[in-house]
Amino acid sequence: MDQYSSDTGNLNVIVTDSYSPLSSATIEIANTGEPNRILESVNTDRNGQTGNIELSAPPLEYSMEPTDNQPYSGYNVKISAPGYQEEIVSGVQIFSGENGLQSIVLQPSE
């Protein structure tokens, strides 16, 4: 098996307002290099969480010693929910074999 073909990491997004979890918020994930091409689109559960979203990452070897290769993949995460201002987090880093956590607080729409 090619060691470069199956490296992945996970991202779990947690969405809240100022006081409590937001269920049914929409999370859209795209590569930073292709922000208009959505790779994943999921909704948060009643706890405001997506659960683990598996995303491609560079080989683990890139993280083990200094090299010219970037050791992580960069993603943009767009979060939206009815009645709240949309948020975009750019450059979320996903490393091979790691679980990333992105916490977002959405502000009510005016």
C-alpha atoms as a PDB file:
ATOM      1  CA  MET A   1       0.000   0.000   0.000  1.00  0.00           C
ATOM      2  CA  ASP A   2       1.271   3.464  -0.868  1.00  0.00           C
ATOM      3  CA  GLN A   3       2.049   5.327   2.373  1.00  0.00           C
ATOM      4  CA  TYR A   4       1.044   8.630   0.770  1.00  0.00           C
ATOM      5  CA  SER A   5      -2.446   7.650  -0.323  1.00  0.00           C
ATOM      6  CA  SER A   6      -4.346   7.143   2.913  1.00  0.00           C
ATOM      7  CA  ASP A   7      -3.064   9.681   5.456  1.00  0.00           C
ATOM      8  CA  THR A   8      -5.924  11.433   7.193  1.00  0.00           C
ATOM      9  CA  GLY A   9      -6.687  13.453  10.276  1.00  0.00           C
ATOM     10  CA  ASN A  10      -9.955  14.369  11.935  1.00  0.00           C
ATOM     11  CA  LEU A  11     -11.693  17.632  12.692  1.00  0.00           C
ATOM     12  CA  ASN A  12     -14.476  18.072  15.247  1.00  0.00           C
ATOM     13  CA  VAL A  13     -16.277  21.426  15.140  1.00  0.00           C
ATOM     14  CA  ILE A  14     -18.185  22.702  18.187  1.00  0.00           C
ATOM     15  CA  VAL A  15     -20.622  25.572  17.639  1.00  0.00           C
ATOM     16  CA  THR A  16     -22.211  27.662  20.406  1.00  0.00           C
ATOM     17  CA  ASP A  17     -23.799  31.039  20.860  1.00  0.00           C
ATOM     18  CA  SER A  18     -22.875  33.068  23.930  1.00  0.00           C
ATOM     19  CA  TYR A  19     -24.800  30.692  26.205  1.00  0.00           C
ATOM     20  CA  SER A  20     -25.454  27.252  24.735  1.00  0.00           C
ATOM     21  CA  PRO A  21     -24.689  24.725  21.959  1.00  0.00           C
ATOM     22  CA  LEU A  22     -26.215  25.380  18.532  1.00  0.00           C
ATOM     23  CA  SER A  23     -27.825  22.360  16.945  1.00  0.00           C
ATOM     24  CA  SER A  24     -28.329  22.177  13.168  1.00  0.00           C
ATOM     25  CA  ALA A  25     -25.592  24.689  12.357  1.00  0.00           C
ATOM     26  CA  THR A  26     -24.193  23.974   8.885  1.00  0.00           C
ATOM     27  CA  ILE A  27     -20.450  23.351   8.572  1.00  0.00           C
ATOM     28  CA  GLU A  28     -18.841  23.516   5.115  1.00  0.00           C
ATOM     29  CA  ILE A  29     -15.195  22.536   4.666  1.00  0.00           C
ATOM     30  CA  ALA A  30     -12.969  23.393   1.688  1.00  0.00           C
ATOM     31  CA  ASN A  31      -9.233  23.301   0.979  1.00  0.00           C
ATOM     32  CA  THR A  32      -7.636  26.704   1.512  1.00  0.00           C
ATOM     33  CA  GLY A  33      -6.381  26.546  -2.091  1.00  0.00           C
ATOM     34  CA  GLU A  34      -9.887  25.873  -3.461  1.00  0.00           C
ATOM     35  CA  PRO A  35     -12.260  27.770  -1.145  1.00  0.00           C
ATOM     36  CA  ASN A  36     -15.257  27.451  -3.464  1.00  0.00           C
ATOM     37  CA  ARG A  37     -15.057  23.647  -3.785  1.00  0.00           C
ATOM     38  CA  ILE A  38     -16.854  22.205  -0.749  1.00  0.00           C
ATOM     39  CA  LEU A  39     -15.341  18.877   0.364  1.00  0.00           C
ATOM     40  CA  GLU A  40     -17.650  18.181   3.300  1.00  0.00           C
ATOM     41  CA  SER A  41     -20.934  19.635   4.490  1.00  0.00           C
ATOM     42  CA  VAL A  42     -22.346  18.484   7.835  1.00  0.00           C
ATOM     43  CA  ASN A  43     -24.715  19.735  10.528  1.00  0.00           C
ATOM     44  CA  THR A  44     -24.084  19.932  14.243  1.00  0.00           C
ATOM     45  CA  ASP A  45     -25.971  17.655  16.624  1.00  0.00           C
ATOM     46  CA  ARG A  46     -28.004  18.737  19.683  1.00  0.00           C
ATOM     47  CA  ASN A  47     -24.714  19.254  21.556  1.00  0.00           C
ATOM     48  CA  GLY A  48     -23.467  21.678  18.880  1.00  0.00           C
ATOM     49  CA  GLN A  49     -20.850  19.170  17.648  1.00  0.00           C
ATOM     50  CA  THR A  50     -20.113  17.604  14.285  1.00  0.00           C
ATOM     51  CA  GLY A  51     -18.310  14.519  15.525  1.00  0.00           C
ATOM     52  CA  ASN A  52     -15.078  13.580  13.749  1.00  0.00           C
ATOM     53  CA  ILE A  53     -14.865  14.630  10.102  1.00  0.00           C
ATOM     54  CA  GLU A  54     -12.113  12.712   8.294  1.00  0.00           C
ATOM     55  CA  LEU A  55      -9.936  14.915   6.067  1.00  0.00           C
ATOM     56  CA  SER A  56      -6.839  14.294   3.944  1.00  0.00           C
ATOM     57  CA  ALA A  57      -3.466  15.123   5.470  1.00  0.00           C
ATOM     58  CA  PRO A  58       0.152  14.876   4.316  1.00  0.00           C
ATOM     59  CA  PRO A  59       2.170  11.811   5.333  1.00  0.00           C
ATOM     60  CA  LEU A  60       3.028  11.544   9.024  1.00  0.00           C
ATOM     61  CA  GLU A  61       6.720  11.504   8.101  1.00  0.00           C
ATOM     62  CA  TYR A  62       6.483  15.219   7.226  1.00  0.00           C
ATOM     63  CA  SER A  63       5.792  15.944  10.916  1.00  0.00           C
ATOM     64  CA  MET A  64       8.674  13.863  12.263  1.00  0.00           C
ATOM     65  CA  GLU A  65      11.664  15.892  11.132  1.00  0.00           C
ATOM     66  CA  PRO A  66      12.359  19.237   9.463  1.00  0.00           C
ATOM     67  CA  THR A  67      11.663  19.182   5.741  1.00  0.00           C
ATOM     68  CA  ASP A  68      10.544  21.541   3.002  1.00  0.00           C
ATOM     69  CA  ASN A  69       7.179  19.737   2.892  1.00  0.00           C
ATOM     70  CA  GLN A  70       4.281  21.250   4.826  1.00  0.00           C
ATOM     71  CA  PRO A  71       3.319  18.749   7.592  1.00  0.00           C
ATOM     72  CA  TYR A  72      -0.396  19.637   7.583  1.00  0.00           C
ATOM     73  CA  SER A  73      -3.290  20.308   5.213  1.00  0.00           C
ATOM     74  CA  GLY A  74      -5.038  23.668   5.425  1.00  0.00           C
ATOM     75  CA  TYR A  75      -8.813  23.941   5.321  1.00  0.00           C
ATOM     76  CA  ASN A  76     -11.396  26.719   5.437  1.00  0.00           C
ATOM     77  CA  VAL A  77     -14.395  26.079   7.670  1.00  0.00           C
ATOM     78  CA  LYS A  78     -17.620  28.040   7.075  1.00  0.00           C
ATOM     79  CA  ILE A  79     -20.223  27.960   9.834  1.00  0.00           C
ATOM     80  CA  SER A  80     -23.785  29.181   9.407  1.00  0.00           C
ATOM     81  CA  ALA A  81     -27.041  28.900  11.353  1.00  0.00           C
ATOM     82  CA  PRO A  82     -30.412  30.624  10.978  1.00  0.00           C
ATOM     83  CA  GLY A  83     -30.540  33.835  13.004  1.00  0.00           C
ATOM     84  CA  TYR A  84     -26.736  34.046  13.384  1.00  0.00           C
ATOM     85  CA  GLN A  85     -23.906  35.776  11.547  1.00  0.00           C
ATOM     86  CA  GLU A  86     -21.899  33.452   9.314  1.00  0.00           C
ATOM     87  CA  GLU A  87     -18.298  32.790  10.359  1.00  0.00           C
ATOM     88  CA  ILE A  88     -15.351  31.564   8.297  1.00  0.00           C
ATOM     89  CA  VAL A  89     -12.205  30.158   9.886  1.00  0.00           C
ATOM     90  CA  SER A  90      -9.334  30.071   7.387  1.00  0.00           C
ATOM     91  CA  GLY A  91      -6.254  27.894   7.589  1.00  0.00           C
ATOM     92  CA  VAL A  92      -7.465  25.190   9.980  1.00  0.00           C
ATOM     93  CA  GLN A  93      -4.538  22.745  10.184  1.00  0.00           C
ATOM     94  CA  ILE A  94      -5.066  18.976   9.913  1.00  0.00           C
ATOM     95  CA  PHE A  95      -2.149  16.661  10.727  1.00  0.00           C
ATOM     96  CA  SER A  96      -1.971  12.968   9.867  1.00  0.00           C
ATOM     97  CA  GLY A  97      -3.435  10.761  12.601  1.00  0.00           C
ATOM     98  CA  GLU A  98      -4.448  13.684  14.801  1.00  0.00           C
ATOM     99  CA  ASN A  99      -7.859  14.851  16.014  1.00  0.00           C
ATOM    100  CA  GLY A 100      -8.309  18.594  15.635  1.00  0.00           C
ATOM    101  CA  LEU A 101     -10.887  20.640  17.508  1.00  0.00           C
ATOM    102  CA  GLN A 102     -12.336  23.931  16.275  1.00  0.00           C
ATOM    103  CA  SER A 103     -14.640  25.808  18.623  1.00  0.00           C
ATOM    104  CA  ILE A 104     -16.802  28.622  17.204  1.00  0.00           C
ATOM    105  CA  VAL A 105     -19.078  31.132  18.927  1.00  0.00           C
ATOM    106  CA  LEU A 106     -21.671  32.550  16.535  1.00  0.00           C
ATOM    107  CA  GLN A 107     -23.121  36.012  17.116  1.00  0.00           C
ATOM    108  CA  PRO A 108     -26.841  36.694  16.591  1.00  0.00           C
ATOM    109  CA  SER A 109     -27.805  38.501  13.393  1.00  0.00           C
ATOM    110  CA  GLU A 110     -28.764  42.132  13.826  1.00  0.00           C
END
